[in-house]
């Protein structure tokens, strides 16, 4: 009788272990090699066809992945729409995500992949692959994208507001935010380097120009005065400008290079969070090493950081689902 009890407990343990192992399985390269062998090529071909016609989308899609991974992990939760059956507003409407772009691009890719292999490739994996392929098309670095992510079913606007570091972040809050996702200070610097491409709305940094201390007319003293004057005169002419867009890396915003880091050392980082990277001896040292090094070195280090970010709190195995449409959980389709 005692032996039977032991055996029963052992079998139960094995079953539970199998469940845990299944739901926490590792991502792997070519995860869809058997279930949908053409998937990654289909995605790559679509990106190569369309991104050259809209190169600014590369930065937007890269940002989309970052915002997805920082809330509930890389599970496509940022893609979900609010519906009548949703208990709360989704991440899409949160303040940090109101200027996100690329949702329709992801939807279009999903439709093509679904036509090839229905119910096999997750939206979370599509986001990760499209992000990488878009950067490559614009001349940026290639990085490995292990796949096997599954899509989450929950999306909450309040979680986006709490987890996505705003452009007004100081060094301490950036360090805490990244550490909570398993990312270190080197990752912080490297991933911030994504600002070498793309644009921003004035509303993300206008307080640095017009209302830095909470008193109208005050300017961030850490911002280069000539750069600030240029922004005021030619771009953001008031603190209430919510429509004008500005290059994050002036004169080089379509090229993946080291210019962003060089500008940081000249006090010409656009965001407060950019400038914050130079307030820590550790992160400033990383920046100096990158500037003194080669673009090849930066590309290689950036690739490692992106692969690390792309594995944050992923859902694998039996967790989550494979959405039929990226904007809706399957029970709503």
C-alpha atoms as a PDB file:
ATOM      1  CA  UNK A   1       0.000   0.000   0.000  1.00  0.00           C
ATOM      2  CA  UNK A   2       2.850   2.364   0.879  1.00  0.00           C
ATOM      3  CA  UNK A   3       4.599   1.491  -2.380  1.00  0.00           C
ATOM      4  CA  UNK A   4       1.441   2.234  -4.360  1.00  0.00           C
ATOM      5  CA  UNK A   5       1.153   5.630  -2.645  1.00  0.00           C
ATOM      6  CA  UNK A   6       4.750   6.432  -3.452  1.00  0.00           C
ATOM      7  CA  UNK A   7       4.273   5.369  -7.055  1.00  0.00           C
ATOM      8  CA  UNK A   8       1.113   7.449  -7.331  1.00  0.00           C
ATOM      9  CA  UNK A   9       2.843  10.515  -5.946  1.00  0.00           C
ATOM     10  CA  UNK A  10       5.795   9.951  -8.249  1.00  0.00           C
ATOM     11  CA  UNK A  11       3.550   9.704 -11.306  1.00  0.00           C
ATOM     12  CA  UNK A  12       1.683  12.834 -10.235  1.00  0.00           C
ATOM     13  CA  UNK A  13       5.014  14.632  -9.854  1.00  0.00           C
ATOM     14  CA  UNK A  14       6.054  13.540 -13.354  1.00  0.00           C
ATOM     15  CA  UNK A  15       2.776  14.764 -14.824  1.00  0.00           C
ATOM     16  CA  UNK A  16       3.108  18.137 -13.102  1.00  0.00           C
ATOM     17  CA  UNK A  17       6.725  18.379 -14.183  1.00  0.00           C
ATOM     18  CA  UNK A  18       5.665  17.702 -17.750  1.00  0.00           C
ATOM     19  CA  UNK A  19       3.090  20.486 -17.578  1.00  0.00           C
ATOM     20  CA  UNK A  20       5.613  22.947 -16.150  1.00  0.00           C
ATOM     21  CA  UNK A  21       8.245  21.962 -18.697  1.00  0.00           C
ATOM     22  CA  UNK A  22       5.761  22.281 -21.542  1.00  0.00           C
ATOM     23  CA  UNK A  23       4.519  25.726 -20.558  1.00  0.00           C
ATOM     24  CA  UNK A  24       8.035  27.038 -19.909  1.00  0.00           C
ATOM     25  CA  UNK A  25       9.766  25.491 -22.904  1.00  0.00           C
ATOM     26  CA  UNK A  26      12.570  27.451 -24.476  1.00  0.00           C
ATOM     27  CA  UNK A  27      12.292  29.394 -27.702  1.00  0.00           C
ATOM     28  CA  UNK A  28      14.233  27.858 -30.553  1.00  0.00           C
ATOM     29  CA  UNK A  29      15.511  28.840 -33.949  1.00  0.00           C
ATOM     30  CA  UNK A  30      13.375  27.538 -36.833  1.00  0.00           C
ATOM     31  CA  UNK A  31      10.578  26.547 -34.473  1.00  0.00           C
ATOM     32  CA  UNK A  32       8.178  26.352 -37.436  1.00  0.00           C
ATOM     33  CA  UNK A  33      10.496  24.241 -39.626  1.00  0.00           C
ATOM     34  CA  UNK A  34       7.996  21.373 -39.692  1.00  0.00           C
ATOM     35  CA  UNK A  35       4.671  23.025 -38.823  1.00  0.00           C
ATOM     36  CA  UNK A  36       5.004  25.960 -41.259  1.00  0.00           C
ATOM     37  CA  UNK A  37       8.356  25.757 -43.080  1.00  0.00           C
ATOM     38  CA  UNK A  38       7.733  28.770 -45.334  1.00  0.00           C
ATOM     39  CA  UNK A  39       6.613  31.126 -42.540  1.00  0.00           C
ATOM     40  CA  UNK A  40       9.815  33.056 -41.944  1.00  0.00           C
ATOM     41  CA  UNK A  41      10.509  33.419 -45.672  1.00  0.00           C
ATOM     42  CA  UNK A  42       6.954  34.682 -46.269  1.00  0.00           C
ATOM     43  CA  UNK A  43       7.420  37.311 -43.552  1.00  0.00           C
ATOM     44  CA  UNK A  44      10.848  38.320 -44.812  1.00  0.00           C
ATOM     45  CA  UNK A  45       9.615  38.649 -48.411  1.00  0.00           C
ATOM     46  CA  UNK A  46       6.697  40.845 -47.336  1.00  0.00           C
ATOM     47  CA  UNK A  47       8.973  43.117 -45.321  1.00  0.00           C
ATOM     48  CA  UNK A  48      11.512  43.385 -48.144  1.00  0.00           C
ATOM     49  CA  UNK A  49       8.742  44.316 -50.558  1.00  0.00           C
ATOM     50  CA  UNK A  50       6.989  46.961 -48.475  1.00  0.00           C
ATOM     51  CA  UNK A  51       9.429  48.603 -46.046  1.00  0.00           C
ATOM     52  CA  UNK A  52      11.528  50.283 -48.786  1.00  0.00           C
ATOM     53  CA  UNK A  53       8.357  52.174 -49.743  1.00  0.00           C
ATOM     54  CA  UNK A  54       7.812  53.285 -46.140  1.00  0.00           C
ATOM     55  CA  UNK A  55      11.266  53.195 -44.470  1.00  0.00           C
ATOM     56  CA  UNK A  56      10.113  55.110 -41.387  1.00  0.00           C
ATOM     57  CA  UNK A  57       8.010  52.068 -40.485  1.00  0.00           C
ATOM     58  CA  UNK A  58      11.169  50.136 -39.583  1.00  0.00           C
ATOM     59  CA  UNK A  59      11.694  52.251 -36.463  1.00  0.00           C
ATOM     60  CA  UNK A  60       7.975  52.095 -35.668  1.00  0.00           C
ATOM     61  CA  UNK A  61       7.925  48.293 -35.844  1.00  0.00           C
ATOM     62  CA  UNK A  62      11.055  48.073 -33.709  1.00  0.00           C
ATOM     63  CA  UNK A  63       9.378  50.300 -31.135  1.00  0.00           C
ATOM     64  CA  UNK A  64       6.232  48.176 -31.320  1.00  0.00           C
ATOM     65  CA  UNK A  65       8.207  45.113 -30.253  1.00  0.00           C
ATOM     66  CA  UNK A  66       9.814  46.983 -27.356  1.00  0.00           C
ATOM     67  CA  UNK A  67       6.428  48.173 -26.096  1.00  0.00           C
ATOM     68  CA  UNK A  68       5.012  44.675 -26.452  1.00  0.00           C
ATOM     69  CA  UNK A  69       7.817  42.951 -24.545  1.00  0.00           C
ATOM     70  CA  UNK A  70       7.807  45.397 -21.629  1.00  0.00           C
ATOM     71  CA  UNK A  71       4.190  44.575 -20.745  1.00  0.00           C
ATOM     72  CA  UNK A  72       3.384  40.950 -19.869  1.00  0.00           C
ATOM     73  CA  UNK A  73       6.399  39.846 -21.874  1.00  0.00           C
ATOM     74  CA  UNK A  74       6.628  39.363 -25.639  1.00  0.00           C
ATOM     75  CA  UNK A  75       3.129  37.979 -26.127  1.00  0.00           C
ATOM     76  CA  UNK A  76       1.469  40.280 -28.650  1.00  0.00           C
ATOM     77  CA  UNK A  77      -0.714  41.870 -25.967  1.00  0.00           C
ATOM     78  CA  UNK A  78      -0.039  45.336 -27.403  1.00  0.00           C
ATOM     79  CA  UNK A  79      -1.909  44.321 -30.566  1.00  0.00           C
ATOM     80  CA  UNK A  80      -5.265  43.617 -28.917  1.00  0.00           C
ATOM     81  CA  UNK A  81      -8.251  45.889 -29.504  1.00  0.00           C
ATOM     82  CA  UNK A  82     -10.806  46.851 -26.900  1.00  0.00           C
ATOM     83  CA  UNK A  83     -14.063  44.929 -27.386  1.00  0.00           C
ATOM     84  CA  UNK A  84     -17.406  44.760 -25.617  1.00  0.00           C
ATOM     85  CA  UNK A  85     -16.293  41.595 -23.825  1.00  0.00           C
ATOM     86  CA  UNK A  86     -12.997  43.094 -22.645  1.00  0.00           C
ATOM     87  CA  UNK A  87     -13.091  44.075 -18.988  1.00  0.00           C
ATOM     88  CA  UNK A  88     -10.680  46.989 -19.418  1.00  0.00           C
ATOM     89  CA  UNK A  89      -9.118  49.273 -21.997  1.00  0.00           C
ATOM     90  CA  UNK A  90      -6.240  47.556 -23.774  1.00  0.00           C
ATOM     91  CA  UNK A  91      -2.595  48.583 -24.027  1.00  0.00           C
ATOM     92  CA  UNK A  92      -3.189  50.295 -27.362  1.00  0.00           C
ATOM     93  CA  UNK A  93      -4.959  53.252 -25.757  1.00  0.00           C
ATOM     94  CA  UNK A  94      -2.405  53.797 -22.969  1.00  0.00           C
ATOM     95  CA  UNK A  95      -0.514  57.093 -23.193  1.00  0.00           C
ATOM     96  CA  UNK A  96       2.843  55.433 -24.033  1.00  0.00           C
ATOM     97  CA  UNK A  97       1.224  53.604 -26.959  1.00  0.00           C
ATOM     98  CA  UNK A  98      -0.944  56.288 -28.507  1.00  0.00           C
ATOM     99  CA  UNK A  99       1.729  57.127 -31.093  1.00  0.00           C
ATOM    100  CA  UNK A 100       2.577  53.511 -31.939  1.00  0.00           C
ATOM    101  CA  UNK A 101       2.350  52.573 -35.611  1.00  0.00           C
ATOM    102  CA  UNK A 102       2.541  49.379 -37.601  1.00  0.00           C
ATOM    103  CA  UNK A 103      -0.565  47.552 -36.394  1.00  0.00           C
ATOM    104  CA  UNK A 104      -2.048  47.229 -39.885  1.00  0.00           C
ATOM    105  CA  UNK A 105       1.316  46.031 -41.199  1.00  0.00           C
ATOM    106  CA  UNK A 106       1.339  43.213 -38.628  1.00  0.00           C
ATOM    107  CA  UNK A 107      -2.286  42.380 -39.503  1.00  0.00           C
ATOM    108  CA  UNK A 108      -1.402  42.122 -43.193  1.00  0.00           C
ATOM    109  CA  UNK A 109       1.529  39.816 -42.491  1.00  0.00           C
ATOM    110  CA  UNK A 110      -0.662  37.669 -40.245  1.00  0.00           C
ATOM    111  CA  UNK A 111      -3.254  37.226 -43.011  1.00  0.00           C
ATOM    112  CA  UNK A 112      -0.642  35.950 -45.444  1.00  0.00           C
ATOM    113  CA  UNK A 113       0.883  33.560 -42.915  1.00  0.00           C
ATOM    114  CA  UNK A 114      -2.580  32.315 -41.874  1.00  0.00           C
ATOM    115  CA  UNK A 115      -3.369  31.538 -45.520  1.00  0.00           C
ATOM    116  CA  UNK A 116      -0.250  29.363 -45.630  1.00  0.00           C
ATOM    117  CA  UNK A 117      -0.585  27.716 -42.208  1.00  0.00           C
ATOM    118  CA  UNK A 118      -3.824  28.440 -40.316  1.00  0.00           C
ATOM    119  CA  UNK A 119      -3.493  28.660 -36.543  1.00  0.00           C
ATOM    120  CA  UNK A 120       0.220  27.881 -36.394  1.00  0.00           C
ATOM    121  CA  UNK A 121       2.316  31.077 -36.231  1.00  0.00           C
ATOM    122  CA  UNK A 122       1.731  33.434 -33.325  1.00  0.00           C
ATOM    123  CA  UNK A 123       1.299  37.182 -33.600  1.00  0.00           C
ATOM    124  CA  UNK A 124       4.030  37.572 -30.978  1.00  0.00           C
ATOM    125  CA  UNK A 125       6.501  35.766 -33.238  1.00  0.00           C
ATOM    126  CA  UNK A 126       5.389  37.837 -36.217  1.00  0.00           C
ATOM    127  CA  UNK A 127       6.112  41.041 -34.273  1.00  0.00           C
ATOM    128  CA  UNK A 128       9.588  39.779 -33.388  1.00  0.00           C
ATOM    129  CA  UNK A 129      10.416  38.652 -36.928  1.00  0.00           C
ATOM    130  CA  UNK A 130       9.019  41.758 -38.623  1.00  0.00           C
ATOM    131  CA  UNK A 131      10.968  43.985 -36.227  1.00  0.00           C
ATOM    132  CA  UNK A 132      14.258  42.266 -37.118  1.00  0.00           C
ATOM    133  CA  UNK A 133      13.604  42.021 -40.852  1.00  0.00           C
ATOM    134  CA  UNK A 134      12.550  45.681 -41.092  1.00  0.00           C
ATOM    135  CA  UNK A 135      15.781  46.870 -39.478  1.00  0.00           C
ATOM    136  CA  UNK A 136      17.829  44.648 -41.790  1.00  0.00           C
ATOM    137  CA  UNK A 137      16.086  46.051 -44.874  1.00  0.00           C
ATOM    138  CA  UNK A 138      17.091  49.581 -43.843  1.00  0.00           C
ATOM    139  CA  UNK A 139      20.750  48.534 -43.570  1.00  0.00           C
ATOM    140  CA  UNK A 140      20.710  47.772 -39.853  1.00  0.00           C
ATOM    141  CA  UNK A 141      22.002  44.670 -38.072  1.00  0.00           C
ATOM    142  CA  UNK A 142      20.664  41.138 -38.292  1.00  0.00           C
ATOM    143  CA  UNK A 143      19.948  39.211 -35.102  1.00  0.00           C
ATOM    144  CA  UNK A 144      18.712  35.729 -34.343  1.00  0.00           C
ATOM    145  CA  UNK A 145      15.012  35.456 -33.579  1.00  0.00           C
ATOM    146  CA  UNK A 146      14.260  32.174 -31.830  1.00  0.00           C
ATOM    147  CA  UNK A 147      10.544  31.465 -32.182  1.00  0.00           C
ATOM    148  CA  UNK A 148       7.847  29.535 -30.384  1.00  0.00           C
ATOM    149  CA  UNK A 149       6.167  32.439 -28.541  1.00  0.00           C
ATOM    150  CA  UNK A 150       2.462  32.117 -27.918  1.00  0.00           C
ATOM    151  CA  UNK A 151      -0.024  34.962 -27.761  1.00  0.00           C
ATOM    152  CA  UNK A 152      -1.432  36.321 -24.511  1.00  0.00           C
ATOM    153  CA  UNK A 153      -5.130  36.812 -23.880  1.00  0.00           C
ATOM    154  CA  UNK A 154      -4.882  39.789 -21.525  1.00  0.00           C
ATOM    155  CA  UNK A 155      -4.133  43.424 -22.357  1.00  0.00           C
ATOM    156  CA  UNK A 156      -4.502  46.208 -19.828  1.00  0.00           C
ATOM    157  CA  UNK A 157      -3.838  49.893 -20.472  1.00  0.00           C
ATOM    158  CA  UNK A 158      -2.838  50.538 -16.861  1.00  0.00           C
ATOM    159  CA  UNK A 159      -0.068  47.934 -17.119  1.00  0.00           C
ATOM    160  CA  UNK A 160       1.387  49.679 -20.161  1.00  0.00           C
ATOM    161  CA  UNK A 161       1.473  52.954 -18.279  1.00  0.00           C
ATOM    162  CA  UNK A 162       3.196  51.269 -15.341  1.00  0.00           C
ATOM    163  CA  UNK A 163       5.780  49.250 -17.271  1.00  0.00           C
ATOM    164  CA  UNK A 164       6.878  51.246 -20.313  1.00  0.00           C
ATOM    165  CA  UNK A 165       9.576  53.773 -19.365  1.00  0.00           C
ATOM    166  CA  UNK A 166       8.514  57.261 -20.517  1.00  0.00           C
ATOM    167  CA  UNK A 167      10.853  59.628 -22.408  1.00  0.00           C
ATOM    168  CA  UNK A 168      10.964  61.774 -19.249  1.00  0.00           C
ATOM    169  CA  UNK A 169      12.646  58.989 -17.239  1.00  0.00           C
ATOM    170  CA  UNK A 170      15.724  59.683 -15.149  1.00  0.00           C
ATOM    171  CA  UNK A 171      18.568  57.197 -14.811  1.00  0.00           C
ATOM    172  CA  UNK A 172      17.276  55.609 -11.612  1.00  0.00           C
ATOM    173  CA  UNK A 173      13.850  54.834 -13.045  1.00  0.00           C
ATOM    174  CA  UNK A 174      15.358  53.498 -16.285  1.00  0.00           C
ATOM    175  CA  UNK A 175      17.685  51.209 -14.345  1.00  0.00           C
ATOM    176  CA  UNK A 176      14.786  49.895 -12.251  1.00  0.00           C
ATOM    177  CA  UNK A 177      12.511  49.437 -15.259  1.00  0.00           C
ATOM    178  CA  UNK A 178      15.055  47.488 -17.296  1.00  0.00           C
ATOM    179  CA  UNK A 179      16.218  45.410 -14.323  1.00  0.00           C
ATOM    180  CA  UNK A 180      12.611  44.331 -13.724  1.00  0.00           C
ATOM    181  CA  UNK A 181      12.685  42.763 -17.194  1.00  0.00           C
ATOM    182  CA  UNK A 182      16.016  41.016 -16.677  1.00  0.00           C
ATOM    183  CA  UNK A 183      17.973  43.612 -18.650  1.00  0.00           C
ATOM    184  CA  UNK A 184      21.170  45.201 -17.358  1.00  0.00           C
ATOM    185  CA  UNK A 185      22.749  48.629 -17.873  1.00  0.00           C
ATOM    186  CA  UNK A 186      24.575  47.533 -21.004  1.00  0.00           C
ATOM    187  CA  UNK A 187      21.260  46.394 -22.476  1.00  0.00           C
ATOM    188  CA  UNK A 188      19.783  49.776 -21.527  1.00  0.00           C
ATOM    189  CA  UNK A 189      22.440  51.630 -23.507  1.00  0.00           C
ATOM    190  CA  UNK A 190      22.336  49.297 -26.490  1.00  0.00           C
ATOM    191  CA  UNK A 191      18.554  49.198 -26.788  1.00  0.00           C
ATOM    192  CA  UNK A 192      18.400  52.993 -26.434  1.00  0.00           C
ATOM    193  CA  UNK A 193      20.612  52.969 -29.521  1.00  0.00           C
ATOM    194  CA  UNK A 194      17.482  52.080 -31.481  1.00  0.00           C
ATOM    195  CA  UNK A 195      16.848  55.843 -31.388  1.00  0.00           C
ATOM    196  CA  UNK A 196      19.408  56.090 -34.172  1.00  0.00           C
ATOM    197  CA  UNK A 197      16.459  55.632 -36.554  1.00  0.00           C
ATOM    198  CA  UNK A 198      12.979  57.087 -36.544  1.00  0.00           C
ATOM    199  CA  UNK A 199      11.136  60.164 -35.371  1.00  0.00           C
ATOM    200  CA  UNK A 200       9.265  61.463 -32.337  1.00  0.00           C
ATOM    201  CA  UNK A 201       6.351  63.770 -31.686  1.00  0.00           C
ATOM    202  CA  UNK A 202       7.168  67.064 -29.976  1.00  0.00           C
ATOM    203  CA  UNK A 203       4.918  66.154 -27.071  1.00  0.00           C
ATOM    204  CA  UNK A 204       7.484  63.559 -25.956  1.00  0.00           C
ATOM    205  CA  UNK A 205      10.123  66.152 -25.141  1.00  0.00           C
ATOM    206  CA  UNK A 206       8.583  69.655 -25.302  1.00  0.00           C
ATOM    207  CA  UNK A 207       8.687  70.077 -21.522  1.00  0.00           C
ATOM    208  CA  UNK A 208      12.490  70.094 -21.835  1.00  0.00           C
ATOM    209  CA  UNK A 209      12.145  73.187 -24.010  1.00  0.00           C
ATOM    210  CA  UNK A 210       9.355  75.134 -22.343  1.00  0.00           C
ATOM    211  CA  UNK A 211       8.418  73.859 -18.892  1.00  0.00           C
ATOM    212  CA  UNK A 212      11.247  71.814 -17.420  1.00  0.00           C
ATOM    213  CA  UNK A 213      10.872  72.830 -13.771  1.00  0.00           C
ATOM    214  CA  UNK A 214       7.105  73.156 -13.899  1.00  0.00           C
ATOM    215  CA  UNK A 215       7.425  76.882 -14.528  1.00  0.00           C
ATOM    216  CA  UNK A 216       6.541  78.001 -18.047  1.00  0.00           C
ATOM    217  CA  UNK A 217       9.616  79.272 -19.869  1.00  0.00           C
ATOM    218  CA  UNK A 218      12.189  77.079 -18.120  1.00  0.00           C
ATOM    219  CA  UNK A 219      14.492  74.867 -20.191  1.00  0.00           C
ATOM    220  CA  UNK A 220      16.416  71.710 -19.342  1.00  0.00           C
ATOM    221  CA  UNK A 221      19.974  72.897 -18.611  1.00  0.00           C
ATOM    222  CA  UNK A 222      21.390  69.504 -19.633  1.00  0.00           C
ATOM    223  CA  UNK A 223      20.208  70.089 -23.228  1.00  0.00           C
ATOM    224  CA  UNK A 224      22.663  71.806 -25.588  1.00  0.00           C
ATOM    225  CA  UNK A 225      21.434  75.396 -25.927  1.00  0.00           C
ATOM    226  CA  UNK A 226      21.979  75.620 -29.703  1.00  0.00           C
ATOM    227  CA  UNK A 227      20.153  72.345 -30.259  1.00  0.00           C
ATOM    228  CA  UNK A 228      17.291  73.543 -28.056  1.00  0.00           C
ATOM    229  CA  UNK A 229      17.082  76.843 -29.939  1.00  0.00           C
ATOM    230  CA  UNK A 230      16.938  74.975 -33.234  1.00  0.00           C
ATOM    231  CA  UNK A 231      14.141  72.752 -32.003  1.00  0.00           C
ATOM    232  CA  UNK A 232      12.157  75.760 -30.840  1.00  0.00           C
ATOM    233  CA  UNK A 233      12.683  77.795 -33.993  1.00  0.00           C
ATOM    234  CA  UNK A 234      12.201  75.139 -36.655  1.00  0.00           C
ATOM    235  CA  UNK A 235      10.244  72.329 -35.093  1.00  0.00           C
ATOM    236  CA  UNK A 236       8.371  72.454 -31.807  1.00  0.00           C
ATOM    237  CA  UNK A 237       7.209  76.033 -31.518  1.00  0.00           C
ATOM    238  CA  UNK A 238       5.036  75.499 -28.461  1.00  0.00           C
ATOM    239  CA  UNK A 239       4.624  73.123 -25.561  1.00  0.00           C
ATOM    240  CA  UNK A 240       1.186  72.188 -26.897  1.00  0.00           C
ATOM    241  CA  UNK A 241       2.451  70.903 -30.268  1.00  0.00           C
ATOM    242  CA  UNK A 242       1.155  67.327 -30.485  1.00  0.00           C
ATOM    243  CA  UNK A 243       1.465  66.840 -34.236  1.00  0.00           C
ATOM    244  CA  UNK A 244       4.927  67.910 -35.400  1.00  0.00           C
ATOM    245  CA  UNK A 245       7.508  65.149 -35.713  1.00  0.00           C
ATOM    246  CA  UNK A 246      11.249  65.467 -35.188  1.00  0.00           C
ATOM    247  CA  UNK A 247      14.164  63.198 -36.067  1.00  0.00           C
ATOM    248  CA  UNK A 248      15.538  61.417 -33.011  1.00  0.00           C
ATOM    249  CA  UNK A 249      18.972  61.333 -34.632  1.00  0.00           C
ATOM    250  CA  UNK A 250      19.122  64.599 -36.657  1.00  0.00           C
ATOM    251  CA  UNK A 251      20.548  64.192 -40.150  1.00  0.00           C
ATOM    252  CA  UNK A 252      20.906  60.443 -39.745  1.00  0.00           C
ATOM    253  CA  UNK A 253      17.469  59.211 -38.727  1.00  0.00           C
ATOM    254  CA  UNK A 254      17.168  56.705 -41.559  1.00  0.00           C
ATOM    255  CA  UNK A 255      20.605  55.171 -41.030  1.00  0.00           C
ATOM    256  CA  UNK A 256      21.475  52.651 -38.333  1.00  0.00           C
ATOM    257  CA  UNK A 257      24.776  54.085 -37.109  1.00  0.00           C
ATOM    258  CA  UNK A 258      26.672  55.475 -34.114  1.00  0.00           C
ATOM    259  CA  UNK A 259      25.505  59.046 -34.580  1.00  0.00           C
ATOM    260  CA  UNK A 260      22.947  58.789 -31.764  1.00  0.00           C
ATOM    261  CA  UNK A 261      25.643  58.006 -29.213  1.00  0.00           C
ATOM    262  CA  UNK A 262      27.918  60.759 -30.500  1.00  0.00           C
ATOM    263  CA  UNK A 263      25.092  63.257 -30.070  1.00  0.00           C
ATOM    264  CA  UNK A 264      24.486  62.086 -26.495  1.00  0.00           C
ATOM    265  CA  UNK A 265      28.052  63.059 -25.593  1.00  0.00           C
ATOM    266  CA  UNK A 266      27.387  66.507 -27.076  1.00  0.00           C
ATOM    267  CA  UNK A 267      24.244  66.938 -24.901  1.00  0.00           C
ATOM    268  CA  UNK A 268      22.026  66.579 -27.967  1.00  0.00           C
ATOM    269  CA  UNK A 269      19.924  63.588 -26.951  1.00  0.00           C
ATOM    270  CA  UNK A 270      16.306  64.395 -27.785  1.00  0.00           C
ATOM    271  CA  UNK A 271      14.639  62.850 -24.737  1.00  0.00           C
ATOM    272  CA  UNK A 272      15.283  63.287 -21.060  1.00  0.00           C
ATOM    273  CA  UNK A 273      15.751  59.513 -20.953  1.00  0.00           C
ATOM    274  CA  UNK A 274      18.500  59.859 -23.579  1.00  0.00           C
ATOM    275  CA  UNK A 275      20.314  62.495 -21.562  1.00  0.00           C
ATOM    276  CA  UNK A 276      19.941  60.329 -18.459  1.00  0.00           C
ATOM    277  CA  UNK A 277      22.305  57.757 -19.945  1.00  0.00           C
ATOM    278  CA  UNK A 278      25.183  60.208 -19.551  1.00  0.00           C
ATOM    279  CA  UNK A 279      24.469  60.845 -15.863  1.00  0.00           C
ATOM    280  CA  UNK A 280      25.787  57.441 -14.789  1.00  0.00           C
ATOM    281  CA  UNK A 281      29.499  56.680 -14.936  1.00  0.00           C
ATOM    282  CA  UNK A 282      28.722  53.100 -15.955  1.00  0.00           C
ATOM    283  CA  UNK A 283      26.413  53.868 -18.868  1.00  0.00           C
ATOM    284  CA  UNK A 284      28.517  56.823 -20.019  1.00  0.00           C
ATOM    285  CA  UNK A 285      31.507  54.492 -20.142  1.00  0.00           C
ATOM    286  CA  UNK A 286      29.543  52.095 -22.368  1.00  0.00           C
ATOM    287  CA  UNK A 287      28.608  54.994 -24.650  1.00  0.00           C
ATOM    288  CA  UNK A 288      32.240  56.090 -24.949  1.00  0.00           C
ATOM    289  CA  UNK A 289      33.329  52.552 -25.804  1.00  0.00           C
ATOM    290  CA  UNK A 290      30.706  52.343 -28.528  1.00  0.00           C
ATOM    291  CA  UNK A 291      31.692  55.702 -30.014  1.00  0.00           C
ATOM    292  CA  UNK A 292      35.376  54.752 -29.957  1.00  0.00           C
ATOM    293  CA  UNK A 293      34.621  51.358 -31.447  1.00  0.00           C
ATOM    294  CA  UNK A 294      33.228  50.317 -34.810  1.00  0.00           C
ATOM    295  CA  UNK A 295      29.725  50.154 -36.242  1.00  0.00           C
ATOM    296  CA  UNK A 296      30.267  46.418 -36.674  1.00  0.00           C
ATOM    297  CA  UNK A 297      30.838  46.111 -32.931  1.00  0.00           C
ATOM    298  CA  UNK A 298      27.696  48.096 -32.106  1.00  0.00           C
ATOM    299  CA  UNK A 299      25.624  46.023 -34.515  1.00  0.00           C
ATOM    300  CA  UNK A 300      26.847  42.803 -32.916  1.00  0.00           C
ATOM    301  CA  UNK A 301      26.158  44.039 -29.380  1.00  0.00           C
ATOM    302  CA  UNK A 302      22.763  45.456 -30.357  1.00  0.00           C
ATOM    303  CA  UNK A 303      21.855  42.089 -31.870  1.00  0.00           C
ATOM    304  CA  UNK A 304      22.593  40.321 -28.571  1.00  0.00           C
ATOM    305  CA  UNK A 305      20.501  42.835 -26.626  1.00  0.00           C
ATOM    306  CA  UNK A 306      17.563  42.444 -29.024  1.00  0.00           C
ATOM    307  CA  UNK A 307      17.634  38.666 -28.744  1.00  0.00           C
ATOM    308  CA  UNK A 308      17.667  39.028 -24.956  1.00  0.00           C
ATOM    309  CA  UNK A 309      14.769  41.495 -25.005  1.00  0.00           C
ATOM    310  CA  UNK A 310      12.799  39.267 -27.350  1.00  0.00           C
ATOM    311  CA  UNK A 311      12.741  36.483 -24.773  1.00  0.00           C
ATOM    312  CA  UNK A 312      11.297  38.518 -21.879  1.00  0.00           C
ATOM    313  CA  UNK A 313       8.605  36.521 -20.047  1.00  0.00           C
ATOM    314  CA  UNK A 314       7.604  34.636 -23.188  1.00  0.00           C
ATOM    315  CA  UNK A 315       4.663  32.266 -23.211  1.00  0.00           C
ATOM    316  CA  UNK A 316       5.496  28.901 -24.757  1.00  0.00           C
ATOM    317  CA  UNK A 317       4.232  25.330 -24.761  1.00  0.00           C
ATOM    318  CA  UNK A 318       0.581  25.260 -23.705  1.00  0.00           C
ATOM    319  CA  UNK A 319       0.413  28.821 -22.328  1.00  0.00           C
ATOM    320  CA  UNK A 320      -1.692  31.420 -24.123  1.00  0.00           C
ATOM    321  CA  UNK A 321      -2.950  30.689 -27.639  1.00  0.00           C
ATOM    322  CA  UNK A 322      -2.187  31.185 -31.315  1.00  0.00           C
ATOM    323  CA  UNK A 323      -4.495  34.022 -32.316  1.00  0.00           C
ATOM    324  CA  UNK A 324      -6.414  33.800 -35.571  1.00  0.00           C
ATOM    325  CA  UNK A 325      -6.404  37.599 -35.778  1.00  0.00           C
ATOM    326  CA  UNK A 326      -3.800  39.665 -33.975  1.00  0.00           C
ATOM    327  CA  UNK A 327      -6.253  42.288 -32.722  1.00  0.00           C
ATOM    328  CA  UNK A 328      -8.613  39.809 -31.032  1.00  0.00           C
ATOM    329  CA  UNK A 329      -8.355  36.790 -28.776  1.00  0.00           C
ATOM    330  CA  UNK A 330      -9.791  33.674 -30.397  1.00  0.00           C
ATOM    331  CA  UNK A 331     -12.947  33.659 -28.291  1.00  0.00           C
ATOM    332  CA  UNK A 332     -13.893  36.995 -29.893  1.00  0.00           C
ATOM    333  CA  UNK A 333     -13.298  36.027 -33.520  1.00  0.00           C
END
